Protein backbone atom coordinates (compact mmCIF):
# COMPACT_ATOMS: atom_id res chain seq x y z
CA MET A 1 -0.36 0.15 0.16
CA THR A 2 1.68 3.01 -0.76
CA THR A 3 -0.02 5.78 1.67
CA LEU A 4 -0.93 5.11 4.97
CA THR A 5 -4.61 4.38 5.82
CA LEU A 6 -4.37 2.62 9.34
CA PRO A 7 -5.40 5.66 11.38
CA THR A 8 -8.19 6.67 9.42
CA LYS A 9 -10.77 3.63 11.66
CA LEU A 10 -8.58 2.81 14.63
CA VAL A 11 -10.25 2.46 17.74
CA ALA A 12 -8.62 1.51 20.99
CA ILE A 13 -10.31 -0.88 22.83
CA LEU A 14 -9.54 -2.86 25.78
CA LEU A 15 -10.52 -6.37 24.79
CA LEU A 16 -9.35 -7.88 26.91
CA CYS A 17 -7.93 -9.10 26.60
CA SER A 18 -7.68 -5.49 25.74
CA LEU A 19 -6.08 -1.64 25.29
CA SER A 20 -4.60 0.83 24.01
CA ALA A 21 -1.30 2.15 24.49
CA CYS A 22 0.28 1.39 28.31
CA THR A 23 -0.45 4.28 30.54
CA ASN A 24 2.26 6.64 31.57
CA THR A 25 2.92 6.38 35.56
CA HIS A 26 5.35 8.99 36.07
CA LYS A 27 3.70 11.84 38.29
CA LYS A 28 2.75 15.00 35.74
CA PRO A 29 1.18 18.33 36.44
CA ALA A 30 -2.65 18.03 37.48
CA LEU A 31 -4.36 18.82 34.00
CA ILE A 32 -7.73 19.79 33.14
CA ALA A 33 -10.10 17.75 31.49
CA PRO A 34 -12.11 18.99 28.85
CA GLU A 35 -15.71 19.51 29.67
CA MET A 36 -17.87 16.92 27.47
CA THR A 37 -21.18 16.16 29.89
CA ASN A 38 -24.54 17.76 27.98
CA ASN A 39 -23.60 17.36 24.69
CA PRO A 40 -26.93 17.90 22.69
CA SER A 41 -26.61 15.37 19.73
CA PHE A 42 -26.55 12.40 22.83
CA THR A 43 -28.92 11.05 25.32
CA VAL A 44 -26.81 9.88 28.12
CA LEU A 45 -28.30 5.68 28.95
CA PRO A 46 -27.83 4.30 32.76
CA VAL A 47 -24.82 1.82 32.72
CA GLU A 48 -23.29 -0.80 35.28
CA ASN A 49 -22.36 0.50 38.10
CA SER A 50 -18.87 -0.84 39.71
CA THR A 51 -20.60 -2.69 42.45
CA GLU A 52 -22.61 -4.48 39.20
CA ILE A 53 -19.14 -4.92 37.84
CA PHE A 54 -17.18 -6.89 40.29
CA VAL A 55 -20.27 -8.25 42.90
CA LEU A 56 -20.76 -12.76 42.75
CA ASN A 57 -23.66 -13.94 43.37
CA ASP A 58 -25.18 -16.92 45.75
CA LYS A 59 -24.49 -19.76 43.32
CA ILE A 60 -20.66 -19.02 42.78
CA THR A 61 -20.10 -17.67 46.35
CA GLN A 62 -21.66 -21.30 47.31
CA GLN A 63 -19.12 -23.05 45.13
CA LEU A 64 -16.13 -21.47 45.94
CA ASP A 65 -17.39 -22.29 50.15
CA LEU A 66 -17.15 -25.87 48.38
CA ALA A 67 -14.41 -25.88 46.58
CA PHE A 68 -12.41 -23.66 49.42
CA PRO A 69 -13.09 -24.26 52.50
CA THR A 70 -12.22 -22.02 55.17
CA HIS A 71 -9.22 -23.83 56.51
CA LYS A 72 -7.77 -24.14 52.93
CA ARG A 73 -7.85 -20.22 52.02
CA ASP A 74 -4.12 -19.87 51.80
CA LEU A 75 -1.86 -18.99 48.85
CA ASN A 76 -0.83 -22.45 48.64
CA ASN A 77 -4.25 -23.71 47.88
CA THR A 78 -4.95 -20.88 45.53
CA LYS A 79 -3.02 -22.74 42.75
CA LYS A 80 -6.41 -24.45 42.27
CA LEU A 81 -7.98 -20.77 41.41
CA LEU A 82 -7.70 -20.87 37.99
CA ASN A 83 -8.25 -24.27 37.08
CA PHE A 84 -11.46 -23.56 38.91
CA LEU A 85 -12.10 -20.42 37.13
CA LEU A 86 -11.52 -22.75 33.59
CA GLU A 87 -13.85 -25.53 35.24
CA ASN A 88 -16.41 -24.30 36.41
CA GLY A 89 -19.75 -23.02 36.18
CA ASP A 90 -22.46 -23.85 33.51
CA ALA A 91 -19.92 -24.59 31.28
CA SER A 92 -15.98 -24.35 31.34
CA LEU A 93 -14.68 -20.81 30.62
CA SER A 94 -13.09 -20.45 27.52
CA TYR A 95 -11.17 -17.21 26.42
CA GLN A 96 -12.65 -15.38 23.44
CA ALA A 97 -11.37 -11.87 22.47
CA GLY A 98 -15.35 -10.40 22.17
CA ALA A 99 -17.20 -9.52 25.24
CA THR A 100 -17.16 -7.71 28.28
CA LEU A 101 -18.91 -8.72 30.76
CA THR A 102 -19.30 -8.37 34.58
CA ALA A 103 -17.88 -11.22 37.02
CA ASN A 104 -21.41 -12.64 36.71
CA GLN A 105 -21.70 -12.80 33.64
CA ALA A 106 -18.09 -14.12 33.08
CA TYR A 107 -18.44 -16.85 35.11
CA SER A 108 -21.85 -17.44 33.04
CA ASP A 109 -21.03 -16.97 29.87
CA LEU A 110 -18.86 -18.82 27.17
CA ASN A 111 -17.75 -15.79 25.71
CA ALA A 112 -15.58 -13.90 27.63
CA ASN A 113 -12.04 -11.97 27.49
CA CYS A 114 -9.76 -11.52 29.55
CA LEU A 115 -10.59 -8.56 30.88
CA SER A 116 -13.85 -10.01 32.16
CA LEU A 117 -12.26 -13.25 33.12
CA SER A 118 -9.25 -11.60 35.12
CA ILE A 119 -12.30 -9.53 37.13
CA LEU A 120 -14.32 -12.37 37.88
CA ALA A 121 -10.98 -13.76 38.80
CA TYR A 122 -10.05 -10.45 41.66
CA SER A 123 -13.77 -11.10 42.93
CA MET A 124 -13.43 -14.32 43.51
CA ALA A 125 -9.84 -13.56 45.26
CA GLU A 126 -11.56 -11.06 47.45
CA TYR A 127 -14.24 -13.19 48.23
CA LEU A 128 -11.43 -15.91 49.22
CA GLY A 129 -9.76 -13.58 51.68
CA LEU A 130 -6.71 -13.07 49.30
CA ASP A 131 -5.47 -10.14 47.49
CA GLY A 132 -5.74 -9.01 43.78
CA GLN A 133 -3.58 -6.59 42.17
CA PHE A 134 -4.30 -6.11 38.64
CA GLN A 135 -1.49 -5.29 36.24
CA THR A 136 -1.47 -3.91 32.41
CA VAL A 137 0.82 -6.00 30.84
CA HIS A 138 3.44 -4.34 28.14
CA ILE A 139 2.66 -6.00 24.92
CA PRO A 140 3.36 -4.71 21.38
CA GLU A 141 0.38 -2.85 19.48
CA TYR A 142 -2.05 -5.51 18.19
CA TRP A 143 -4.84 -5.10 15.81
CA ALA A 144 -8.04 -6.54 15.09
CA VAL A 145 -10.48 -6.03 12.70
CA SER A 146 -13.83 -5.94 13.45
CA ASN A 147 -16.76 -3.86 11.08
CA GLY A 148 -14.42 -1.99 9.16
CA TYR A 149 -12.84 -0.70 11.87
CA ASN A 150 -8.86 -1.22 13.12
CA LEU A 151 -9.16 -2.47 16.91
CA LEU A 152 -6.50 -1.93 18.68
CA THR A 153 -6.34 -4.20 21.68
CA GLY A 154 -4.30 -4.82 24.70
CA HIS A 155 -3.69 -7.14 28.00
CA ILE A 156 -4.08 -6.72 31.57
CA ASN A 157 -3.24 -10.20 34.33
CA LEU A 158 -3.71 -10.03 37.65
CA VAL A 159 -1.54 -11.21 41.09
CA VAL A 160 -2.93 -13.06 43.94
CA THR A 161 -1.12 -13.11 47.56
CA GLN A 162 -1.77 -13.92 50.60
CA ARG A 163 -3.60 -10.96 52.57
CA ARG A 164 -1.60 -9.19 54.78
CA ASN A 165 -2.02 -9.06 58.27
CA SER A 166 -3.64 -5.59 59.04
CA ASN A 167 -1.11 -4.83 62.13
CA THR A 168 2.27 -5.33 59.89
CA ASN A 169 4.35 -2.50 60.16
CA SER A 170 3.10 -0.29 57.24
CA ASN A 171 6.47 0.58 55.99
CA ILE A 172 7.45 -2.94 54.96
CA THR A 173 7.42 -3.03 50.70
CA TYR A 174 5.79 -6.50 49.81
CA LEU A 175 7.45 -7.79 46.28
CA TYR A 176 5.84 -10.21 44.44
CA THR A 177 8.02 -13.36 43.84
CA SER A 178 6.53 -16.63 42.32
CA GLU A 179 7.42 -18.28 45.69
CA ASN A 180 4.34 -16.04 47.75
CA SER A 181 2.18 -14.65 44.47
CA LEU A 182 0.25 -15.99 42.00
CA VAL A 183 -0.14 -14.73 38.45
CA ILE A 184 -3.66 -15.50 36.81
CA ASP A 185 -2.80 -14.71 33.05
CA PHE A 186 -5.47 -15.69 30.33
CA ASP A 187 -3.18 -15.36 27.47
CA PRO A 188 -0.89 -18.28 26.64
CA ASN A 189 1.41 -15.42 24.75
CA SER A 190 1.80 -13.31 27.87
CA ARG A 191 2.39 -16.07 29.64
CA GLY A 192 5.19 -17.69 27.26
CA GLU A 193 6.88 -13.91 27.46
CA LYS A 194 8.28 -11.74 29.36
CA PHE A 195 6.77 -8.64 29.46
CA LYS A 196 7.31 -5.50 31.45
CA THR A 197 3.80 -4.88 33.83
CA THR A 198 2.74 -2.11 35.66
CA PRO A 199 0.20 -2.40 38.90
CA ILE A 200 -3.47 -0.39 38.00
CA THR A 201 -5.78 0.15 40.08
CA LYS A 202 -9.79 -1.53 40.15
CA GLN A 203 -10.81 2.46 39.52
CA ARG A 204 -8.48 2.21 36.50
CA ILE A 205 -10.15 -1.61 35.11
CA THR A 206 -14.00 0.13 35.49
CA ALA A 207 -12.92 2.26 33.93
CA MET A 208 -11.27 -0.09 31.23
CA PHE A 209 -14.82 -1.99 31.63
CA TYR A 210 -17.03 0.84 30.18
CA ASN A 211 -14.64 2.28 27.60
CA ASN A 212 -15.33 -1.52 26.01
CA LYS A 213 -18.77 -1.50 26.05
CA GLY A 214 -18.37 2.38 24.79
CA ALA A 215 -16.06 0.47 21.85
CA THR A 216 -18.74 -1.90 21.16
CA ALA A 217 -21.75 -0.16 21.09
CA MET A 218 -20.26 2.52 18.76
CA LEU A 219 -18.86 -0.49 15.81
CA ASN A 220 -22.84 -1.70 16.38
CA GLY A 221 -23.80 1.92 15.82
CA GLN A 222 -25.04 2.62 19.17
CA HIS A 223 -24.27 6.22 19.71
CA ASP A 224 -26.33 6.84 22.91
CA LEU A 225 -24.72 4.16 24.42
CA ALA A 226 -21.19 4.71 23.61
CA TYR A 227 -21.48 7.83 24.18
CA SER A 228 -22.74 6.92 27.62
CA TYR A 229 -19.94 4.83 28.54
CA PHE A 230 -17.15 6.92 27.39
CA LEU A 231 -19.01 9.24 29.32
CA ALA A 232 -18.76 6.74 32.87
CA ALA A 233 -15.13 5.89 32.01
CA THR A 234 -14.10 9.23 32.03
CA LYS A 235 -15.74 10.27 35.06
CA THR A 236 -14.50 7.46 36.56
CA ASP A 237 -11.12 8.01 35.87
CA GLU A 238 -10.26 11.26 34.27
CA ASN A 239 -6.98 10.06 33.53
CA TYR A 240 -7.69 7.48 31.30
CA SER A 241 -6.05 8.20 28.08
CA GLY A 242 -7.89 5.21 26.45
CA ALA A 243 -11.21 6.44 27.32
CA TRP A 244 -10.36 10.27 26.14
CA GLY A 245 -9.31 8.83 22.98
CA ASN A 246 -12.25 6.70 21.76
CA LEU A 247 -14.58 9.50 23.10
CA ALA A 248 -13.15 11.79 20.33
CA VAL A 249 -13.65 9.18 17.69
CA LEU A 250 -17.49 8.72 18.60
CA LEU A 251 -18.02 12.99 18.49
CA ARG A 252 -15.58 12.49 15.06
CA LEU A 253 -18.39 10.86 13.61
CA HIS A 254 -20.95 13.22 14.66
CA SER A 255 -18.78 16.18 12.73
CA GLN A 256 -17.80 17.27 16.27
CA TYR A 257 -14.48 18.22 14.78
CA ALA A 258 -13.59 20.67 18.24
CA ASN A 259 -14.67 18.70 20.60
CA ALA A 260 -13.02 15.88 19.11
CA GLU A 261 -9.98 17.65 18.75
CA LEU A 262 -10.02 18.53 22.63
CA ALA A 263 -10.13 15.10 23.89
CA TYR A 264 -7.81 13.77 21.41
CA ASN A 265 -5.03 16.35 22.79
CA PHE A 266 -6.07 15.60 26.54
CA ALA A 267 -5.89 11.88 25.80
CA ILE A 268 -2.31 12.78 24.41
CA ALA A 269 -1.95 14.80 27.71
CA LEU A 270 -2.56 12.23 30.06
CA ASN A 271 -0.28 9.81 28.06
CA PRO A 272 2.04 10.69 24.76
CA ASP A 273 2.81 6.94 23.86
CA ASN A 274 -1.29 7.04 23.00
CA ASN A 275 -0.07 6.49 19.53
CA THR A 276 -4.02 5.38 18.62
CA ALA A 277 -5.11 8.99 19.81
CA LEU A 278 -1.92 10.25 17.75
CA GLY A 279 -3.04 8.71 14.45
CA ASN A 280 -6.77 9.39 14.88
CA LEU A 281 -5.89 12.98 15.83
CA ALA A 282 -3.92 13.24 12.13
CA LEU A 283 -6.56 11.84 10.34
CA LEU A 284 -9.08 14.62 11.88
CA TYR A 285 -6.07 17.30 10.62
CA GLN A 286 -6.66 15.60 7.32
CA LEU A 287 -10.62 16.24 7.49
CA THR A 288 -10.01 19.92 8.42
CA GLU A 289 -7.30 20.82 5.57
CA ARG A 290 -4.52 20.44 8.04
CA GLY A 291 -2.25 18.19 6.17
CA GLU A 292 1.12 18.81 7.10
CA LEU A 293 0.43 18.31 10.51
CA ALA A 294 -1.14 15.07 9.81
CA ASP A 295 1.81 13.95 7.70
CA GLU A 296 4.24 15.26 10.25
CA ILE A 297 2.26 12.58 12.92
CA LEU A 298 1.95 9.47 10.22
CA THR A 299 5.51 9.43 9.48
CA LYS A 300 6.63 9.50 13.09
CA LEU A 301 4.33 6.93 13.90
CA ASP A 302 5.58 5.11 10.97
CA LEU A 303 8.75 4.58 11.55
CA LYS A 304 8.21 4.21 15.46
CA ARG A 305 6.02 0.80 14.32
CA GLN A 306 8.01 -0.50 11.42
CA THR A 307 9.43 -3.19 13.72
CA ASN A 308 6.05 -4.49 14.66
CA PRO A 309 4.81 -7.18 13.04
CA TYR A 310 1.17 -6.62 14.17
CA TYR A 311 1.59 -2.88 12.28
CA HIS A 312 2.21 -4.40 9.25
CA VAL A 313 -0.56 -7.17 9.06
CA ALA A 314 -3.05 -4.10 10.04
CA LEU A 315 -1.54 -2.31 7.11
CA GLY A 316 -1.96 -6.06 4.80
CA ASN A 317 -5.51 -5.87 5.98
CA ASP A 318 -6.54 -2.11 5.24
CA ALA A 319 -4.95 -2.56 1.54
CA TYR A 320 -7.31 -6.21 1.54
CA LEU A 321 -10.39 -4.46 2.36
CA ILE A 322 -9.71 -1.88 -0.98
CA LYS A 323 -8.56 -4.96 -3.13
CA ASN A 324 -5.03 -4.01 -3.50
CA TYR A 325 -4.01 -7.03 -3.05
CA GLN A 326 -0.38 -7.00 -4.21
CA ASP A 327 -0.07 -4.29 -1.62
CA ALA A 328 -1.58 -7.06 1.31
CA ILE A 329 0.72 -9.21 0.26
CA LYS A 330 3.93 -7.34 0.75
CA HIS A 331 2.73 -5.87 4.15
CA PHE A 332 1.80 -9.72 5.29
CA ASN A 333 5.39 -10.93 4.08
CA LYS A 334 6.80 -7.59 6.04
CA ALA A 335 4.94 -9.41 9.10
CA LYS A 336 6.22 -12.73 8.69
CA LEU A 337 9.47 -11.40 8.17
CA ILE A 338 9.49 -10.19 11.70
CA ASP A 339 7.97 -12.91 13.27
CA ARG A 340 6.79 -16.10 12.01
CA GLN A 341 5.49 -17.03 14.57
CA ILE A 342 2.41 -15.43 14.54
CA HIS A 343 -0.75 -16.70 12.76
CA ASP A 344 -2.74 -13.10 12.06
CA SER A 345 -0.07 -13.12 8.85
CA TYR A 346 -0.37 -16.70 7.61
CA PHE A 347 -4.36 -15.85 7.62
CA GLY A 348 -3.97 -12.49 5.63
CA LEU A 349 -1.77 -14.24 3.48
CA ALA A 350 -4.11 -17.21 3.10
CA ARG A 351 -7.52 -14.97 2.29
CA THR A 352 -5.34 -12.60 -0.17
CA TYR A 353 -4.59 -15.66 -2.27
CA TYR A 354 -7.87 -16.75 -2.21
CA GLN A 355 -9.29 -13.23 -4.02
CA LEU A 356 -6.93 -13.92 -5.98
CA GLY A 357 -7.44 -17.50 -7.37
CA ASP A 358 -4.74 -19.12 -5.75
CA PHE A 359 -6.57 -21.81 -3.70
CA LYS A 360 -3.30 -24.13 -3.55
CA GLN A 361 -1.24 -21.26 -1.64
CA ALA A 362 -4.62 -19.87 0.23
CA TYR A 363 -4.75 -23.54 1.36
CA THR A 364 -0.75 -23.63 2.33
CA GLN A 365 -1.16 -20.29 3.77
CA LEU A 366 -3.99 -21.16 5.92
CA ARG A 367 -2.20 -24.67 7.44
CA PHE A 368 0.47 -22.03 8.30
CA ALA A 369 -1.89 -19.69 10.49
CA ASN A 370 -3.57 -23.09 12.02
CA LYS A 371 -0.49 -23.98 13.03
CA HIS A 372 0.62 -21.47 14.99
CA ALA A 373 -3.08 -19.90 16.20
CA ASP A 374 -2.62 -19.95 19.95
CA PHE A 375 -6.44 -20.27 20.89
CA GLU A 376 -8.68 -23.04 19.94
CA HIS A 377 -12.00 -20.76 18.71
CA ASP A 378 -8.81 -19.64 15.84
CA LYS A 379 -7.91 -23.02 15.53
CA GLN A 380 -11.32 -24.48 14.29
CA ARG A 381 -11.91 -21.20 12.32
CA TYR A 382 -8.84 -22.68 10.58
CA HIS A 383 -10.14 -25.93 10.18
CA ASN A 384 -13.38 -24.72 9.03
CA LYS A 385 -11.83 -22.99 5.98
CA LEU A 386 -9.35 -25.40 5.50
CA GLN A 387 -11.58 -27.93 4.85
CA ALA A 388 -13.38 -26.13 2.06
CA LEU A 389 -10.14 -24.86 1.08
CA ARG A 390 -9.34 -28.61 0.41
CA ALA A 391 -12.16 -29.23 -1.89
CA MET A 392 -11.45 -26.65 -3.92
CA THR A 393 -7.77 -27.55 -4.31
CA VAL A 394 -9.04 -30.85 -5.06
CA LYS A 395 -10.48 -29.43 -8.62
CA VAL A 396 -7.63 -27.45 -8.88
CA ASN A 397 -4.95 -30.86 -8.95
CA ASN A 398 -7.91 -32.49 -11.36
CA HIS A 399 -8.09 -29.78 -14.20
């Protein structure tokens, strides 16, 4: 692809396994948030409160009581917690990069993302008398495509520790080590890599929940609901850059360019590394005929992302969507050269070759995608496509 189109619809979403650029934890001067309430373009709708997000119902607590009797609620026994999450409920829980659910919903439903499962794990740990600490995992930028939008995802996990004695000296600093803590992480890639982590608060997790729900509503065209969730996120945690960036996207969709620019700039002031907000600000500059400012941002972002294979996968997906198949192949191959272990580039090549009528090459690339997929839902998806392509390949060989 000859021009950068990636930022045109980039939405930061904590699909958690979800989220935008990692939050900068350095202390900054206090910033004044722009006023975004009482917007006449939107009707504010009710959303879940914090209690509803984290509370466990009686059915769950009764099963916890059976699985973890009072005398077995120490750290040595909490290693059962992860298996308990995966093996109990109406059916076994399975990771999906999809629905953002409350703790109760995540326990009952199969389609829960890692944000939801981490919320569930936190609530269970708390009920069992343990301490839970959420962490942002600083993974490379990763994009997925949904409804024509590039969704930037991120990741969190949870550290569970034995609750400390309230009489302990408050000046003591506790360290999380493998001996006195349990890390609950629903992403095998994150577990396999030693990514840097940063502790985040329950308040930030609540804002992430609202941000995810808002992004999903926006993708579904439910703009009043999206506005309500983004507003809740910014009110819950005024310093959460990702929510301000997504609110700006929604405002831009309603041609509220001045308000969108205020929200983008505040998101960037909170976190200068929020590349998604920067890219979307560049789009806004293009829409308001400030091309030089847009080009300056896009050039810097392009240089910054060149070593990230997922960036090239996203560019390949953009090229594919506009039927620029040769450029798509170039980008997917570039991603593959950087990291041959990710399945997304192989799948991108497979569907591109399919559109070009090269069923043999599509089948070959799809096999690699299936080989490198981490989750069962991806493997099943690729398996089904392989079966369909196998029949096509047989027909081609018979000609």
